[in-house]
Amino acid sequence: MLATAFINQSLAARHRHAARLPVLLGVNLGHQTLSTATANAVLPSFNAVTIPLNWNKVESTEGQYDWSVPDAQLAWAKGSGLKVLAGPL
């Protein structure tokens, strides 16, 4: 009970200084475009996403580059107001 009271008091004090806490909570989007159900689950739960840029996915065949999945993920994340981290190459 003491820990719960402390948490509630600490969060209330932090919220008095900032309506939205300056903390990033993110999820890795993986190597496929998001389904509508997954996108709807991500938005209320996270404020950041990681877009993996694994070279073996971007260039699965030598000399042929496919940026379609990372591009779609980036467009969705930016349009949804999420912070974006990407990599590694």
PDB file of N, CA and C in Angstrom:
ATOM      1  N   MET A   1       0.818  -1.177   0.000  1.00  0.00           N
ATOM      2  CA  MET A   1       0.000   0.000   0.000  1.00  0.00           C
ATOM      3  C   MET A   1       0.873   1.257   0.000  1.00  0.00           C
ATOM      4  N   LEU A   2       1.971   1.188   0.729  1.00  0.00           N
ATOM      5  CA  LEU A   2       2.874   2.336   0.782  1.00  0.00           C
ATOM      6  C   LEU A   2       3.470   2.621  -0.600  1.00  0.00           C
ATOM      7  N   ALA A   3       3.882   1.577  -1.296  1.00  0.00           N
ATOM      8  CA  ALA A   3       4.456   1.757  -2.635  1.00  0.00           C
ATOM      9  C   ALA A   3       3.427   2.348  -3.596  1.00  0.00           C
ATOM     10  N   THR A   4       2.206   1.875  -3.539  1.00  0.00           N
ATOM     11  CA  THR A   4       1.145   2.402  -4.401  1.00  0.00           C
ATOM     12  C   THR A   4       0.878   3.871  -4.097  1.00  0.00           C
ATOM     13  N   ALA A   5       0.838   4.225  -2.821  1.00  0.00           N
ATOM     14  CA  ALA A   5       0.619   5.622  -2.438  1.00  0.00           C
ATOM     15  C   ALA A   5       1.761   6.502  -2.942  1.00  0.00           C
ATOM     16  N   PHE A   6       2.996   6.017  -2.831  1.00  0.00           N
ATOM     17  CA  PHE A   6       4.153   6.775  -3.303  1.00  0.00           C
ATOM     18  C   PHE A   6       4.085   6.981  -4.814  1.00  0.00           C
ATOM     19  N   ILE A   7       3.753   5.927  -5.555  1.00  0.00           N
ATOM     20  CA  ILE A   7       3.645   6.019  -7.012  1.00  0.00           C
ATOM     21  C   ILE A   7       2.581   7.043  -7.401  1.00  0.00           C
ATOM     22  N   ASN A   8       1.427   6.951  -6.788  1.00  0.00           N
ATOM     23  CA  ASN A   8       0.341   7.889  -7.099  1.00  0.00           C
ATOM     24  C   ASN A   8       0.740   9.325  -6.799  1.00  0.00           C
ATOM     25  N   GLN A   9       1.387   9.538  -5.664  1.00  0.00           N
ATOM     26  CA  GLN A   9       1.828  10.881  -5.284  1.00  0.00           C
ATOM     27  C   GLN A   9       2.907  11.394  -6.237  1.00  0.00           C
ATOM     28  N   SER A  10       3.849  10.544  -6.609  1.00  0.00           N
ATOM     29  CA  SER A  10       4.926  10.947  -7.516  1.00  0.00           C
ATOM     30  C   SER A  10       4.390  11.292  -8.898  1.00  0.00           C
ATOM     31  N   LEU A  11       3.498  10.473  -9.412  1.00  0.00           N
ATOM     32  CA  LEU A  11       2.933  10.745 -10.729  1.00  0.00           C
ATOM     33  C   LEU A  11       2.089  12.016 -10.718  1.00  0.00           C
ATOM     34  N   ALA A  12       1.338  12.224  -9.672  1.00  0.00           N
ATOM     35  CA  ALA A  12       0.531  13.447  -9.567  1.00  0.00           C
ATOM     36  C   ALA A  12       1.435  14.680  -9.575  1.00  0.00           C
ATOM     37  N   ALA A  13       2.556  14.625  -8.854  1.00  0.00           N
ATOM     38  CA  ALA A  13       3.490  15.749  -8.823  1.00  0.00           C
ATOM     39  C   ALA A  13       4.105  15.983 -10.199  1.00  0.00           C
ATOM     40  N   ARG A  14       4.455  14.918 -10.904  1.00  0.00           N
ATOM     41  CA  ARG A  14       5.040  15.061 -12.243  1.00  0.00           C
ATOM     42  C   ARG A  14       4.022  15.622 -13.224  1.00  0.00           C
ATOM     43  N   HIS A  15       2.762  15.204 -13.096  1.00  0.00           N
ATOM     44  CA  HIS A  15       1.724  15.697 -13.997  1.00  0.00           C
ATOM     45  C   HIS A  15       1.402  17.169 -13.759  1.00  0.00           C
ATOM     46  N   ARG A  16       1.661  17.664 -12.571  1.00  0.00           N
ATOM     47  CA  ARG A  16       1.443  19.090 -12.316  1.00  0.00           C
ATOM     48  C   ARG A  16       2.422  19.947 -13.120  1.00  0.00           C
ATOM     49  N   HIS A  17       3.597  19.401 -13.393  1.00  0.00           N
ATOM     50  CA  HIS A  17       4.625  20.136 -14.127  1.00  0.00           C
ATOM     51  C   HIS A  17       4.531  19.920 -15.630  1.00  0.00           C
ATOM     52  N   ALA A  18       3.980  18.808 -16.046  1.00  0.00           N
ATOM     53  CA  ALA A  18       3.848  18.508 -17.476  1.00  0.00           C
ATOM     54  C   ALA A  18       2.614  17.634 -17.668  1.00  0.00           C
ATOM     55  N   ALA A  19       1.705  18.093 -18.522  1.00  0.00           N
ATOM     56  CA  ALA A  19       0.485  17.321 -18.749  1.00  0.00           C
ATOM     57  C   ALA A  19       0.810  15.939 -19.304  1.00  0.00           C
ATOM     58  N   ARG A  20       1.828  15.883 -20.149  1.00  0.00           N
ATOM     59  CA  ARG A  20       2.246  14.614 -20.724  1.00  0.00           C
ATOM     60  C   ARG A  20       3.671  14.336 -20.264  1.00  0.00           C
ATOM     61  N   LEU A  21       3.903  13.198 -19.669  1.00  0.00           N
ATOM     62  CA  LEU A  21       5.228  12.882 -19.151  1.00  0.00           C
ATOM     63  C   LEU A  21       6.233  12.744 -20.292  1.00  0.00           C
ATOM     64  N   PRO A  22       7.445  13.273 -20.132  1.00  0.00           N
ATOM     65  CA  PRO A  22       8.458  13.234 -21.182  1.00  0.00           C
ATOM     66  C   PRO A  22       9.187  11.890 -21.221  1.00  0.00           C
ATOM     67  N   VAL A  23       8.437  10.838 -21.449  1.00  0.00           N
ATOM     68  CA  VAL A  23       8.990   9.487 -21.463  1.00  0.00           C
ATOM     69  C   VAL A  23       8.573   8.818 -22.762  1.00  0.00           C
ATOM     70  N   LEU A  24       9.507   8.123 -23.399  1.00  0.00           N
ATOM     71  CA  LEU A  24       9.172   7.375 -24.595  1.00  0.00           C
ATOM     72  C   LEU A  24       8.938   5.917 -24.229  1.00  0.00           C
ATOM     73  N   LEU A  25       7.843   5.395 -24.740  1.00  0.00           N
ATOM     74  CA  LEU A  25       7.544   3.979 -24.598  1.00  0.00           C
ATOM     75  C   LEU A  25       7.261   3.473 -26.000  1.00  0.00           C
ATOM     76  N   GLY A  26       8.129   2.602 -26.490  1.00  0.00           N
ATOM     77  CA  GLY A  26       8.035   2.204 -27.890  1.00  0.00           C
ATOM     78  C   GLY A  26       7.904   0.724 -28.105  1.00  0.00           C
ATOM     79  N   VAL A  27       7.651   0.396 -29.368  1.00  0.00           N
ATOM     80  CA  VAL A  27       7.496  -0.990 -29.788  1.00  0.00           C
ATOM     81  C   VAL A  27       8.196  -1.149 -31.139  1.00  0.00           C
ATOM     82  N   ASN A  28       8.802  -2.307 -31.352  1.00  0.00           N
ATOM     83  CA  ASN A  28       9.442  -2.632 -32.616  1.00  0.00           C
ATOM     84  C   ASN A  28       8.359  -3.098 -33.582  1.00  0.00           C
ATOM     85  N   LEU A  29       8.268  -2.483 -34.758  1.00  0.00           N
ATOM     86  CA  LEU A  29       7.208  -2.798 -35.712  1.00  0.00           C
ATOM     87  C   LEU A  29       7.468  -4.061 -36.526  1.00  0.00           C
ATOM     88  N   GLY A  30       8.661  -4.600 -36.467  1.00  0.00           N
ATOM     89  CA  GLY A  30       8.946  -5.829 -37.197  1.00  0.00           C
ATOM     90  C   GLY A  30       9.145  -5.572 -38.682  1.00  0.00           C
ATOM     91  N   HIS A  31       9.072  -6.625 -39.480  1.00  0.00           N
ATOM     92  CA  HIS A  31       9.425  -6.553 -40.901  1.00  0.00           C
ATOM     93  C   HIS A  31       8.227  -6.667 -41.831  1.00  0.00           C
ATOM     94  N   GLN A  32       7.043  -6.318 -41.356  1.00  0.00           N
ATOM     95  CA  GLN A  32       5.869  -6.335 -42.218  1.00  0.00           C
ATOM     96  C   GLN A  32       5.030  -5.095 -41.939  1.00  0.00           C
ATOM     97  N   THR A  33       4.186  -4.741 -42.890  1.00  0.00           N
ATOM     98  CA  THR A  33       3.310  -3.609 -42.655  1.00  0.00           C
ATOM     99  C   THR A  33       2.299  -3.988 -41.580  1.00  0.00           C
ATOM    100  N   LEU A  34       1.815  -2.996 -40.872  1.00  0.00           N
ATOM    101  CA  LEU A  34       0.909  -3.249 -39.755  1.00  0.00           C
ATOM    102  C   LEU A  34      -0.509  -3.507 -40.240  1.00  0.00           C
ATOM    103  N   SER A  35      -1.150  -4.458 -39.603  1.00  0.00           N
ATOM    104  CA  SER A  35      -2.574  -4.646 -39.848  1.00  0.00           C
ATOM    105  C   SER A  35      -3.322  -3.529 -39.128  1.00  0.00           C
ATOM    106  N   THR A  36      -4.548  -3.311 -39.504  1.00  0.00           N
ATOM    107  CA  THR A  36      -5.361  -2.284 -38.853  1.00  0.00           C
ATOM    108  C   THR A  36      -5.510  -2.580 -37.369  1.00  0.00           C
ATOM    109  N   ALA A  37      -5.716  -3.842 -37.010  1.00  0.00           N
ATOM    110  CA  ALA A  37      -5.881  -4.218 -35.600  1.00  0.00           C
ATOM    111  C   ALA A  37      -4.620  -3.906 -34.802  1.00  0.00           C
ATOM    112  N   THR A  38      -3.460  -4.223 -35.371  1.00  0.00           N
ATOM    113  CA  THR A  38      -2.199  -3.951 -34.669  1.00  0.00           C
ATOM    114  C   THR A  38      -1.973  -2.450 -34.546  1.00  0.00           C
ATOM    115  N   ALA A  39      -2.216  -1.705 -35.613  1.00  0.00           N
ATOM    116  CA  ALA A  39      -2.056  -0.249 -35.566  1.00  0.00           C
ATOM    117  C   ALA A  39      -2.964   0.356 -34.506  1.00  0.00           C
ATOM    118  N   ASN A  40      -4.190  -0.125 -34.420  1.00  0.00           N
ATOM    119  CA  ASN A  40      -5.127   0.388 -33.415  1.00  0.00           C
ATOM    120  C   ASN A  40      -4.693   0.030 -31.999  1.00  0.00           C
ATOM    121  N   ALA A  41      -3.975  -1.059 -31.831  1.00  0.00           N
ATOM    122  CA  ALA A  41      -3.477  -1.442 -30.510  1.00  0.00           C
ATOM    123  C   ALA A  41      -2.237  -0.639 -30.130  1.00  0.00           C
ATOM    124  N   VAL A  42      -1.414  -0.284 -31.115  1.00  0.00           N
ATOM    125  CA  VAL A  42      -0.177   0.450 -30.844  1.00  0.00           C
ATOM    126  C   VAL A  42      -0.471   1.887 -30.402  1.00  0.00           C
ATOM    127  N   LEU A  43      -1.379   2.554 -31.082  1.00  0.00           N
ATOM    128  CA  LEU A  43      -1.584   3.992 -30.849  1.00  0.00           C
ATOM    129  C   LEU A  43      -1.928   4.372 -29.413  1.00  0.00           C
ATOM    130  N   PRO A  44      -2.830   3.686 -28.730  1.00  0.00           N
ATOM    131  CA  PRO A  44      -3.116   4.119 -27.360  1.00  0.00           C
ATOM    132  C   PRO A  44      -2.071   3.652 -26.341  1.00  0.00           C
ATOM    133  N   SER A  45      -1.188   2.752 -26.761  1.00  0.00           N
ATOM    134  CA  SER A  45      -0.258   2.144 -25.812  1.00  0.00           C
ATOM    135  C   SER A  45       1.159   2.701 -25.870  1.00  0.00           C
ATOM    136  N   PHE A  46       1.561   3.244 -27.020  1.00  0.00           N
ATOM    137  CA  PHE A  46       2.949   3.650 -27.214  1.00  0.00           C
ATOM    138  C   PHE A  46       3.016   5.049 -27.814  1.00  0.00           C
ATOM    139  N   ASN A  47       4.137   5.748 -27.560  1.00  0.00           N
ATOM    140  CA  ASN A  47       4.349   7.048 -28.177  1.00  0.00           C
ATOM    141  C   ASN A  47       5.602   7.053 -29.049  1.00  0.00           C
ATOM    142  N   ALA A  48       6.184   5.876 -29.271  1.00  0.00           N
ATOM    143  CA  ALA A  48       7.363   5.749 -30.119  1.00  0.00           C
ATOM    144  C   ALA A  48       7.372   4.370 -30.764  1.00  0.00           C
ATOM    145  N   VAL A  49       8.042   4.284 -31.908  1.00  0.00           N
ATOM    146  CA  VAL A  49       8.195   2.992 -32.584  1.00  0.00           C
ATOM    147  C   VAL A  49       9.627   2.852 -33.074  1.00  0.00           C
ATOM    148  N   THR A  50      10.052   1.621 -33.204  1.00  0.00           N
ATOM    149  CA  THR A  50      11.326   1.313 -33.838  1.00  0.00           C
ATOM    150  C   THR A  50      11.024   0.630 -35.158  1.00  0.00           C
ATOM    151  N   ILE A  51      11.622   1.143 -36.210  1.00  0.00           N
ATOM    152  CA  ILE A  51      11.480   0.544 -37.531  1.00  0.00           C
ATOM    153  C   ILE A  51      12.799  -0.163 -37.832  1.00  0.00           C
ATOM    154  N   PRO A  52      12.785  -1.495 -37.927  1.00  0.00           N
ATOM    155  CA  PRO A  52      14.033  -2.208 -38.188  1.00  0.00           C
ATOM    156  C   PRO A  52      14.466  -2.017 -39.639  1.00  0.00           C
ATOM    157  N   LEU A  53      15.728  -1.737 -39.835  1.00  0.00           N
ATOM    158  CA  LEU A  53      16.285  -1.561 -41.176  1.00  0.00           C
ATOM    159  C   LEU A  53      17.376  -2.595 -41.401  1.00  0.00           C
ATOM    160  N   ASN A  54      17.010  -3.838 -41.369  1.00  0.00           N
ATOM    161  CA  ASN A  54      17.973  -4.912 -41.590  1.00  0.00           C
ATOM    162  C   ASN A  54      18.272  -5.017 -43.087  1.00  0.00           C
ATOM    163  N   TRP A  55      19.544  -4.913 -43.417  1.00  0.00           N
ATOM    164  CA  TRP A  55      19.923  -4.866 -44.822  1.00  0.00           C
ATOM    165  C   TRP A  55      19.487  -6.113 -45.578  1.00  0.00           C
ATOM    166  N   ASN A  56      19.488  -7.271 -44.938  1.00  0.00           N
ATOM    167  CA  ASN A  56      19.084  -8.491 -45.638  1.00  0.00           C
ATOM    168  C   ASN A  56      17.595  -8.490 -45.991  1.00  0.00           C
ATOM    169  N   LYS A  57      16.804  -7.628 -45.369  1.00  0.00           N
ATOM    170  CA  LYS A  57      15.397  -7.463 -45.732  1.00  0.00           C
ATOM    171  C   LYS A  57      15.245  -6.419 -46.838  1.00  0.00           C
ATOM    172  N   VAL A  58      16.057  -5.367 -46.788  1.00  0.00           N
ATOM    173  CA  VAL A  58      15.985  -4.306 -47.789  1.00  0.00           C
ATOM    174  C   VAL A  58      16.550  -4.788 -49.125  1.00  0.00           C
ATOM    175  N   GLU A  59      17.641  -5.546 -49.078  1.00  0.00           N
ATOM    176  CA  GLU A  59      18.275  -6.062 -50.292  1.00  0.00           C
ATOM    177  C   GLU A  59      18.364  -7.582 -50.186  1.00  0.00           C
ATOM    178  N   SER A  60      17.212  -8.249 -50.289  1.00  0.00           N
ATOM    179  CA  SER A  60      17.204  -9.706 -50.172  1.00  0.00           C
ATOM    180  C   SER A  60      17.814 -10.362 -51.404  1.00  0.00           C
ATOM    181  N   THR A  61      17.768  -9.669 -52.533  1.00  0.00           N
ATOM    182  CA  THR A  61      18.439 -10.104 -53.755  1.00  0.00           C
ATOM    183  C   THR A  61      19.457  -9.031 -54.118  1.00  0.00           C
ATOM    184  N   GLU A  62      20.687  -9.446 -54.376  1.00  0.00           N
ATOM    185  CA  GLU A  62      21.755  -8.486 -54.630  1.00  0.00           C
ATOM    186  C   GLU A  62      21.377  -7.516 -55.753  1.00  0.00           C
ATOM    187  N   GLY A  63      21.496  -6.221 -55.435  1.00  0.00           N
ATOM    188  CA  GLY A  63      21.222  -5.183 -56.408  1.00  0.00           C
ATOM    189  C   GLY A  63      19.765  -4.760 -56.509  1.00  0.00           C
ATOM    190  N   GLN A  64      18.869  -5.443 -55.787  1.00  0.00           N
ATOM    191  CA  GLN A  64      17.454  -5.084 -55.811  1.00  0.00           C
ATOM    192  C   GLN A  64      17.039  -4.642 -54.411  1.00  0.00           C
ATOM    193  N   TYR A  65      16.640  -3.380 -54.304  1.00  0.00           N
ATOM    194  CA  TYR A  65      16.319  -2.791 -53.017  1.00  0.00           C
ATOM    195  C   TYR A  65      14.809  -2.649 -52.875  1.00  0.00           C
ATOM    196  N   ASP A  66      14.312  -3.018 -51.718  1.00  0.00           N
ATOM    197  CA  ASP A  66      12.872  -2.903 -51.452  1.00  0.00           C
ATOM    198  C   ASP A  66      12.691  -2.162 -50.128  1.00  0.00           C
ATOM    199  N   TRP A  67      12.367  -0.880 -50.232  1.00  0.00           N
ATOM    200  CA  TRP A  67      12.146  -0.039 -49.066  1.00  0.00           C
ATOM    201  C   TRP A  67      10.668   0.096 -48.744  1.00  0.00           C
ATOM    202  N   SER A  68       9.805  -0.668 -49.395  1.00  0.00           N
ATOM    203  CA  SER A  68       8.360  -0.462 -49.275  1.00  0.00           C
ATOM    204  C   SER A  68       7.848  -0.628 -47.841  1.00  0.00           C
ATOM    205  N   VAL A  69       8.302  -1.640 -47.135  1.00  0.00           N
ATOM    206  CA  VAL A  69       7.809  -1.852 -45.766  1.00  0.00           C
ATOM    207  C   VAL A  69       8.303  -0.747 -44.823  1.00  0.00           C
ATOM    208  N   PRO A  70       9.624  -0.450 -44.773  1.00  0.00           N
ATOM    209  CA  PRO A  70      10.052   0.654 -43.895  1.00  0.00           C
ATOM    210  C   PRO A  70       9.416   1.989 -44.279  1.00  0.00           C
ATOM    211  N   ASP A  71       9.255   2.251 -45.583  1.00  0.00           N
ATOM    212  CA  ASP A  71       8.622   3.501 -46.013  1.00  0.00           C
ATOM    213  C   ASP A  71       7.177   3.578 -45.528  1.00  0.00           C
ATOM    214  N   ALA A  72       6.436   2.484 -45.649  1.00  0.00           N
ATOM    215  CA  ALA A  72       5.036   2.469 -45.191  1.00  0.00           C
ATOM    216  C   ALA A  72       4.963   2.632 -43.677  1.00  0.00           C
ATOM    217  N   GLN A  73       5.857   1.963 -42.956  1.00  0.00           N
ATOM    218  CA  GLN A  73       5.879   2.081 -41.492  1.00  0.00           C
ATOM    219  C   GLN A  73       6.200   3.514 -41.075  1.00  0.00           C
ATOM    220  N   LEU A  74       7.169   4.131 -41.748  1.00  0.00           N
ATOM    221  CA  LEU A  74       7.552   5.508 -41.422  1.00  0.00           C
ATOM    222  C   LEU A  74       6.407   6.474 -41.704  1.00  0.00           C
ATOM    223  N   ALA A  75       5.751   6.321 -42.844  1.00  0.00           N
ATOM    224  CA  ALA A  75       4.630   7.198 -43.178  1.00  0.00           C
ATOM    225  C   ALA A  75       3.513   7.068 -42.146  1.00  0.00           C
ATOM    226  N   TRP A  76       3.208   5.837 -41.741  1.00  0.00           N
ATOM    227  CA  TRP A  76       2.161   5.616 -40.742  1.00  0.00           C
ATOM    228  C   TRP A  76       2.550   6.238 -39.399  1.00  0.00           C
ATOM    229  N   ALA A  77       3.795   6.003 -38.960  1.00  0.00           N
ATOM    230  CA  ALA A  77       4.249   6.505 -37.659  1.00  0.00           C
ATOM    231  C   ALA A  77       4.246   8.035 -37.632  1.00  0.00           C
ATOM    232  N   LYS A  78       4.770   8.666 -38.681  1.00  0.00           N
ATOM    233  CA  LYS A  78       4.794  10.136 -38.735  1.00  0.00           C
ATOM    234  C   LYS A  78       3.381  10.690 -38.782  1.00  0.00           C
ATOM    235  N   GLY A  79       2.512  10.054 -39.559  1.00  0.00           N
ATOM    236  CA  GLY A  79       1.127  10.491 -39.649  1.00  0.00           C
ATOM    237  C   GLY A  79       0.355  10.320 -38.360  1.00  0.00           C
ATOM    238  N   SER A  80       0.825   9.403 -37.518  1.00  0.00           N
ATOM    239  CA  SER A  80       0.178   9.139 -36.232  1.00  0.00           C
ATOM    240  C   SER A  80       0.799   9.936 -35.094  1.00  0.00           C
ATOM    241  N   GLY A  81       1.828  10.732 -35.402  1.00  0.00           N
ATOM    242  CA  GLY A  81       2.462  11.566 -34.382  1.00  0.00           C
ATOM    243  C   GLY A  81       3.387  10.815 -33.434  1.00  0.00           C
ATOM    244  N   LEU A  82       3.899   9.670 -33.874  1.00  0.00           N
ATOM    245  CA  LEU A  82       4.793   8.877 -33.033  1.00  0.00           C
ATOM    246  C   LEU A  82       6.250   9.269 -33.278  1.00  0.00           C
ATOM    247  N   LYS A  83       7.071   9.162 -32.250  1.00  0.00           N
ATOM    248  CA  LYS A  83       8.509   9.334 -32.397  1.00  0.00           C
ATOM    249  C   LYS A  83       9.035   8.074 -33.093  1.00  0.00           C
ATOM    250  N   VAL A  84      10.049   8.238 -33.927  1.00  0.00           N
ATOM    251  CA  VAL A  84      10.557   7.119 -34.727  1.00  0.00           C
ATOM    252  C   VAL A  84      12.036   6.915 -34.469  1.00  0.00           C
ATOM    253  N   LEU A  85      12.398   5.675 -34.206  1.00  0.00           N
ATOM    254  CA  LEU A  85      13.787   5.248 -34.157  1.00  0.00           C
ATOM    255  C   LEU A  85      13.920   4.201 -35.246  1.00  0.00           C
ATOM    256  N   ALA A  86      15.045   4.171 -35.947  1.00  0.00           N
ATOM    257  CA  ALA A  86      15.212   3.208 -37.022  1.00  0.00           C
ATOM    258  C   ALA A  86      16.633   2.667 -37.030  1.00  0.00           C
ATOM    259  N   GLY A  87      16.754   1.438 -37.506  1.00  0.00           N
ATOM    260  CA  GLY A  87      18.076   0.856 -37.643  1.00  0.00           C
ATOM    261  C   GLY A  87      18.131  -0.526 -37.038  1.00  0.00           C
ATOM    262  N   PRO A  88      19.250  -1.128 -36.990  1.00  0.00           N
ATOM    263  CA  PRO A  88      20.521  -0.726 -37.608  1.00  0.00           C
ATOM    264  C   PRO A  88      20.567  -1.150 -39.063  1.00  0.00           C
ATOM    265  N   LEU A  89      21.441  -0.516 -39.817  1.00  0.00           N
ATOM    266  CA  LEU A  89      21.645  -0.943 -41.198  1.00  0.00           C
ATOM    267  C   LEU A  89      22.699  -2.014 -41.228  1.00  0.00           C
TER     268      LEU A  89
END
